[in-house]
Structures are given as C-alpha cells and as structure tokens.
Protein backbone atom coordinates (compact mmCIF):
# COMPACT_ATOMS: atom_id res chain seq x y z
CA MET A 1 -0.03 -0.01 0.06
CA PRO A 2 1.34 3.40 -0.87
CA PHE A 3 2.42 5.55 2.10
CA ALA A 4 -0.27 8.56 1.45
CA PRO A 5 -3.26 6.44 2.23
CA VAL A 6 -1.74 4.96 5.26
CA LEU A 7 -0.81 8.50 6.43
CA ARG A 8 -4.41 9.49 5.83
CA ALA A 9 -5.87 6.70 7.81
CA GLU A 10 -3.56 7.47 10.62
CA TRP A 11 -4.30 11.20 10.61
CA LEU A 12 -8.07 10.10 10.76
CA LYS A 13 -7.45 8.29 13.92
CA ILE A 14 -5.61 11.27 15.61
CA ARG A 15 -8.42 13.62 14.29
CA THR A 16 -11.25 11.46 15.75
CA LEU A 17 -9.79 10.65 19.24
CA ARG A 18 -11.02 13.35 21.77
CA SER A 19 -8.40 12.41 24.23
CA LEU A 20 -5.73 13.36 21.68
CA TRP A 21 -7.29 16.74 20.93
CA GLY A 22 -7.64 17.14 24.81
CA ALA A 23 -3.79 16.50 25.19
CA LEU A 24 -2.99 19.03 22.59
CA LEU A 25 -5.23 21.63 24.14
CA ALA A 26 -3.57 21.12 27.29
CA VAL A 27 -0.30 21.88 25.66
CA PHE A 28 -1.73 25.09 24.78
CA ALA A 29 -3.66 25.86 27.99
CA ALA A 30 -0.78 24.86 30.30
CA THR A 31 2.12 26.49 28.62
CA THR A 32 0.39 29.77 28.06
CA ALA A 33 -1.33 29.85 31.65
CA PHE A 34 2.32 29.26 33.45
CA SER A 35 4.00 31.79 30.98
CA SER A 36 1.30 34.51 31.82
CA LEU A 37 1.84 33.86 35.44
CA ALA A 38 5.86 34.13 34.91
CA GLY A 39 5.22 37.29 33.21
CA VAL A 40 4.26 39.00 36.40
CA SER A 41 7.24 37.65 38.13
CA GLU A 42 10.29 39.75 40.01
CA THR A 43 12.51 41.09 37.48
CA SER A 44 15.17 42.49 39.69
CA ASP A 45 17.43 39.42 39.84
CA PRO A 46 20.87 40.24 38.08
CA GLU A 47 20.38 36.80 36.34
CA PHE A 48 16.98 37.32 35.11
CA ASP A 49 16.61 35.88 31.63
CA PRO A 50 13.43 37.33 29.95
CA LEU A 51 13.30 34.88 27.28
CA PHE A 52 13.49 31.99 29.58
CA MET A 53 10.75 33.61 31.88
CA ALA A 54 8.49 34.14 28.88
CA LEU A 55 8.62 30.71 27.79
CA SER A 56 8.91 28.98 31.13
CA GLY A 57 5.27 27.47 30.55
CA VAL A 58 7.12 25.07 28.04
CA ALA A 59 8.18 22.98 30.86
CA PRO A 60 4.54 21.98 32.24
CA GLY A 61 3.32 22.06 28.76
CA GLN A 62 5.76 19.23 27.74
CA ILE A 63 3.79 17.00 30.16
CA ALA A 64 0.89 17.34 27.87
CA ALA A 65 3.12 16.64 24.73
CA ILE A 66 4.32 13.61 26.13
CA SER A 67 0.93 12.49 26.94
CA PHE A 68 -0.09 13.16 23.28
CA GLY A 69 2.80 11.03 21.90
CA ALA A 70 1.96 8.25 24.29
CA LEU A 71 -1.71 8.22 23.73
CA ALA A 72 -1.47 8.29 20.14
CA VAL A 73 0.32 4.97 20.12
CA SER A 74 -1.11 3.25 23.09
CA SER A 75 -4.63 3.75 21.38
CA GLU A 76 -3.47 1.09 18.81
CA LEU A 77 -2.63 -1.52 21.56
CA HIS A 78 -6.23 -2.01 23.00
CA GLY A 79 -9.01 -4.14 21.58
CA GLY A 80 -6.87 -5.40 18.71
CA GLY A 81 -6.15 -2.24 17.27
CA LEU A 82 -2.79 -3.03 16.30
CA ARG A 83 -3.51 -6.19 14.69
CA SER A 84 -6.13 -4.70 12.79
CA ALA A 85 -3.72 -1.89 11.55
CA LEU A 86 -1.06 -4.40 10.49
CA THR A 87 -3.50 -6.51 8.56
CA ALA A 88 -4.24 -3.46 6.54
CA VAL A 89 -0.80 -2.44 6.17
CA PRO A 90 1.41 -5.56 6.30
CA GLN A 91 4.46 -3.20 5.81
CA ARG A 92 5.08 -2.65 9.62
CA GLY A 93 7.83 0.04 8.96
CA ARG A 94 5.41 2.07 6.59
CA TRP A 95 2.71 1.87 9.26
CA PHE A 96 5.01 3.13 11.99
CA ALA A 97 6.40 5.94 10.00
CA ALA A 98 2.82 7.13 8.99
CA LYS A 99 1.87 7.00 12.80
CA VAL A 100 5.16 8.93 13.73
CA THR A 101 4.28 11.32 11.09
CA SER A 102 0.68 11.93 12.20
CA VAL A 103 2.21 12.64 15.55
CA ALA A 104 4.82 14.94 14.57
CA VAL A 105 2.99 17.38 12.50
CA PRO A 106 0.24 18.38 14.86
CA ALA A 107 2.68 18.53 17.77
CA LEU A 108 4.80 20.85 15.79
CA LEU A 109 2.16 23.12 14.86
CA VAL A 110 0.53 23.26 18.25
CA GLY A 111 3.88 23.63 19.69
CA LEU A 112 4.66 26.72 17.47
CA LEU A 113 1.34 28.33 18.05
CA THR A 114 1.59 27.63 21.91
CA ALA A 115 5.11 29.08 21.99
CA PHE A 116 4.05 32.39 20.16
CA ALA A 117 1.06 32.83 22.34
CA ALA A 118 3.09 32.26 25.64
CA LEU A 119 5.71 34.77 24.54
CA VAL A 120 2.91 37.34 23.70
CA VAL A 121 1.34 36.96 27.09
CA ALA A 122 4.40 36.77 28.92
CA ARG A 123 5.86 39.93 27.38
CA ALA A 124 2.56 41.86 28.01
CA GLY A 125 3.24 41.16 31.83
CA LEU A 126 7.12 41.58 31.74
CA GLY A 127 6.84 45.04 29.92
CA ASP A 128 9.95 46.75 29.85
CA ALA A 129 12.12 43.79 31.51
CA ALA A 130 11.45 42.11 28.15
CA SER A 131 12.54 45.03 25.89
CA GLY A 132 16.20 43.77 25.49
CA LEU A 133 14.92 40.73 23.51
CA SER A 134 15.89 40.86 19.95
CA VAL A 135 13.53 39.70 17.13
CA GLY A 136 15.99 36.93 16.35
CA GLU A 137 16.08 35.69 19.94
CA GLN A 138 12.39 35.67 20.22
CA ALA A 139 12.06 33.91 16.89
CA ARG A 140 14.78 31.18 18.00
CA GLY A 141 12.58 30.73 21.34
CA VAL A 142 9.51 30.35 19.40
CA VAL A 143 10.77 27.81 16.78
CA GLY A 144 12.93 26.06 19.29
CA SER A 145 10.20 25.63 21.80
CA GLY A 146 7.91 24.11 19.00
CA ILE A 147 10.42 21.67 17.92
CA TYR A 148 11.15 20.64 21.46
CA LEU A 149 7.58 19.96 22.23
CA MET A 150 7.43 17.90 19.14
CA LEU A 151 10.45 16.00 19.97
CA MET A 152 9.11 15.02 23.39
CA ALA A 153 5.93 13.92 22.01
CA LEU A 154 7.82 11.77 19.70
CA PHE A 155 10.22 10.58 22.23
CA ALA A 156 7.07 9.30 24.32
CA ALA A 157 5.66 7.78 21.04
CA GLY A 158 8.87 5.67 20.47
CA LEU A 159 9.05 4.58 23.96
CA THR A 160 5.29 3.59 24.10
CA ALA A 161 5.86 1.38 21.06
CA LEU A 162 8.81 -0.30 22.73
CA LEU A 163 7.20 -0.87 26.20
CA ARG A 164 3.82 -1.60 24.68
CA SER A 165 2.30 0.48 27.27
CA GLY A 166 1.32 4.12 27.54
CA VAL A 167 0.96 3.86 31.34
CA ALA A 168 4.57 2.54 31.59
CA THR A 169 5.72 5.34 29.24
CA LEU A 170 3.98 8.08 31.38
CA SER A 171 5.08 6.67 34.60
CA LEU A 172 8.53 6.72 33.50
CA LEU A 173 8.83 10.06 31.59
CA ILE A 174 6.91 12.42 33.89
CA PRO A 175 8.84 11.72 37.06
CA PHE A 176 12.04 12.08 34.89
CA VAL A 177 11.21 15.23 33.54
CA LEU A 178 9.76 16.81 36.80
CA VAL A 179 12.14 15.28 39.39
CA VAL A 180 14.91 12.88 38.30
CA SER A 181 16.38 15.18 35.57
CA PHE A 182 17.04 17.94 38.27
CA VAL A 183 18.22 15.56 40.87
CA VAL A 184 20.67 13.98 38.38
CA GLY A 185 21.51 17.29 37.27
CA ASP A 186 22.77 18.46 40.64
CA ALA A 187 24.76 15.33 41.09
CA ALA A 188 26.11 14.53 37.73
CA GLY A 189 27.28 18.04 36.62
CA THR A 190 28.02 18.43 32.77
CA LEU A 191 26.73 15.07 31.97
CA ALA A 192 23.15 16.11 32.88
CA ASP A 193 23.36 18.75 30.11
CA PHE A 194 23.23 15.87 27.66
CA LEU A 195 19.77 14.59 29.24
CA PRO A 196 16.81 14.92 26.60
CA ASP A 197 14.62 17.56 28.68
CA LYS A 198 17.83 19.61 29.71
CA ALA A 199 19.72 19.66 26.53
CA GLY A 200 16.40 20.77 24.47
CA GLN A 201 15.71 23.49 26.96
CA VAL A 202 18.70 25.45 26.33
CA VAL A 203 16.73 27.13 23.37
CA LEU A 204 14.41 28.58 25.88
CA HIS A 205 17.20 30.70 27.52
CA GLN A 206 18.33 34.05 25.94
CA THR A 207 21.98 33.38 27.32
CA TYR A 208 23.47 30.03 28.12
CA ASP A 209 26.76 29.14 29.69
CA GLY A 210 26.80 25.31 29.55
CA THR A 211 28.29 22.96 27.22
CA LEU A 212 25.46 23.04 24.67
CA GLY A 213 24.03 25.92 22.60
CA PRO A 214 20.40 26.33 21.67
CA TRP A 215 20.54 24.26 18.43
CA SER A 216 23.11 21.81 19.62
CA GLY A 217 20.93 21.06 22.56
CA LEU A 218 18.01 20.35 20.37
CA ALA A 219 20.30 18.16 18.38
CA VAL A 220 21.01 16.14 21.48
CA THR A 221 17.32 15.78 22.11
CA THR A 222 16.86 14.70 18.49
CA LEU A 223 19.34 12.09 18.91
CA TRP A 224 17.39 10.65 21.97
CA THR A 225 14.03 10.81 20.10
CA ALA A 226 15.54 8.95 17.23
CA ALA A 227 16.89 6.34 19.26
CA ALA A 228 13.35 5.90 21.07
CA LEU A 229 11.83 5.85 17.53
CA VAL A 230 14.23 3.22 16.36
CA ALA A 231 13.74 1.10 19.34
CA GLY A 232 10.04 1.55 18.83
CA ALA A 233 10.06 0.40 15.29
CA TRP A 234 12.02 -2.61 16.14
CA SER A 235 9.47 -3.73 18.48
CA VAL A 236 6.74 -3.20 16.04
CA HIS A 237 8.58 -5.10 13.40
CA ARG A 238 9.87 -7.99 15.75
CA ARG A 239 6.95 -8.50 18.30
CA ASP A 240 3.57 -9.98 17.58
CA ALA A 241 0.69 -7.73 17.29
C-alpha cells in the first residue's frame, strides 16, 4: 500500500480521538497559563532571563506533549487495534512511519502556536523587562520551543511502541522530567546537560553558559528521540501484534 493512504488513515485516527485533541489543548493551555504567571514575576534578579521567563510554561506544557505522543500510540494497543492496523498495512515500517508523522505534524504546529502565544502573554506582563529581547532571539525561542515539544511527543511515542504501554511510558517520563532530571543534574554536573529535556530546553534561554547551545541542545534531544523511535520501530517489527 502507498504511504499517502496509510498516512491519511493514521491522521483520521488522530483527528477522531477526543483524548488526543484534549492533550494538544492541554499543551496550549498549560504553557500559556504558566507563562502568563511568569510574566508578572520579580525582574530585579541580576541573572533574570526574560526569554526563559516568557517561555517557562514550556516545562509544564511538555507533560501534555508527552501524553499526546504516548496516547497516540497506546490507542493502537487496546482491543486489537494494532493487529487490525497491521492487517491493513502489512509493511510494519510504513505503518509506524505514518503513525510517527501523524504525531509529529500536529505536535509541531500546536507547539509553534503555543510558544508564540506564551511569548505574547508573558511579554505583556514583563513590560520593559523584556525590551532587551531581539527579534532573532524571540524567533529562535518560539521555533525552538515548537520543535522541542514535538520531539518530546515523539520520544514518548517511540517509548510507548517499545514498552507496549502508555501507562508505563507516562510513569517513566513524567517523573523523569519533573524530578529525576533535576536530581541527576545536581549530582552529575556537565553530563546532565546531555539529558533529553535539559539539552532541548537550552533553546528557551536568552543566554547560556553550559556545554551546549540552543541548536546543539536540540540536536541532542533529536538523537534521544531518534533512538526511541528506532527502538519502537524494532518492537513493532519484531513482536507479535
């Protein structure tokens, strides 16, 4: 079967599942809400970073992005959905590629829209404190945030395909990005800069002093995501539906 109709079928699944639209809506709502609250924060700290403050809602918003990626794949694992999908599309790699694409495109579009809205509402609150941000820095922050949210959704999708469980993926990733990453960061020093979330979030900062820059950090997150997707593809190819 050609790729286009497979992709169309996978997009139809994404479009008709309310839980997935709810997760995407949560990405927008959580990110913009937390960024708007950050916009009224104290700005007298000499280390104050207006770009990071404006886009700080991306950190809680990524939980919803992770949930979107996990739910998009785990929805196939119940009631024989995966078996039916692979019966219709025997080429498992083609099916998985279509599934990944159907996750990536809406996650990226919603991520870009969300980051732009978060920046606008936060800047309204920050006022003159954000006047030093250049157009290039703001554009980099918005584009980088959209890419980061997409990568985290795909990371979750790959792990869900590997673990065959959305619950297992969420139980692993959500505590990791909320707690473990910070604990490891304090203990591991420079090595923690290469964790998938810490590396990707460098793009949220106006200034950065670590090992990685904005785009090299996203490249590291991309490598983590690619590894998860390769592992997920292997699981789909090798295991029984």
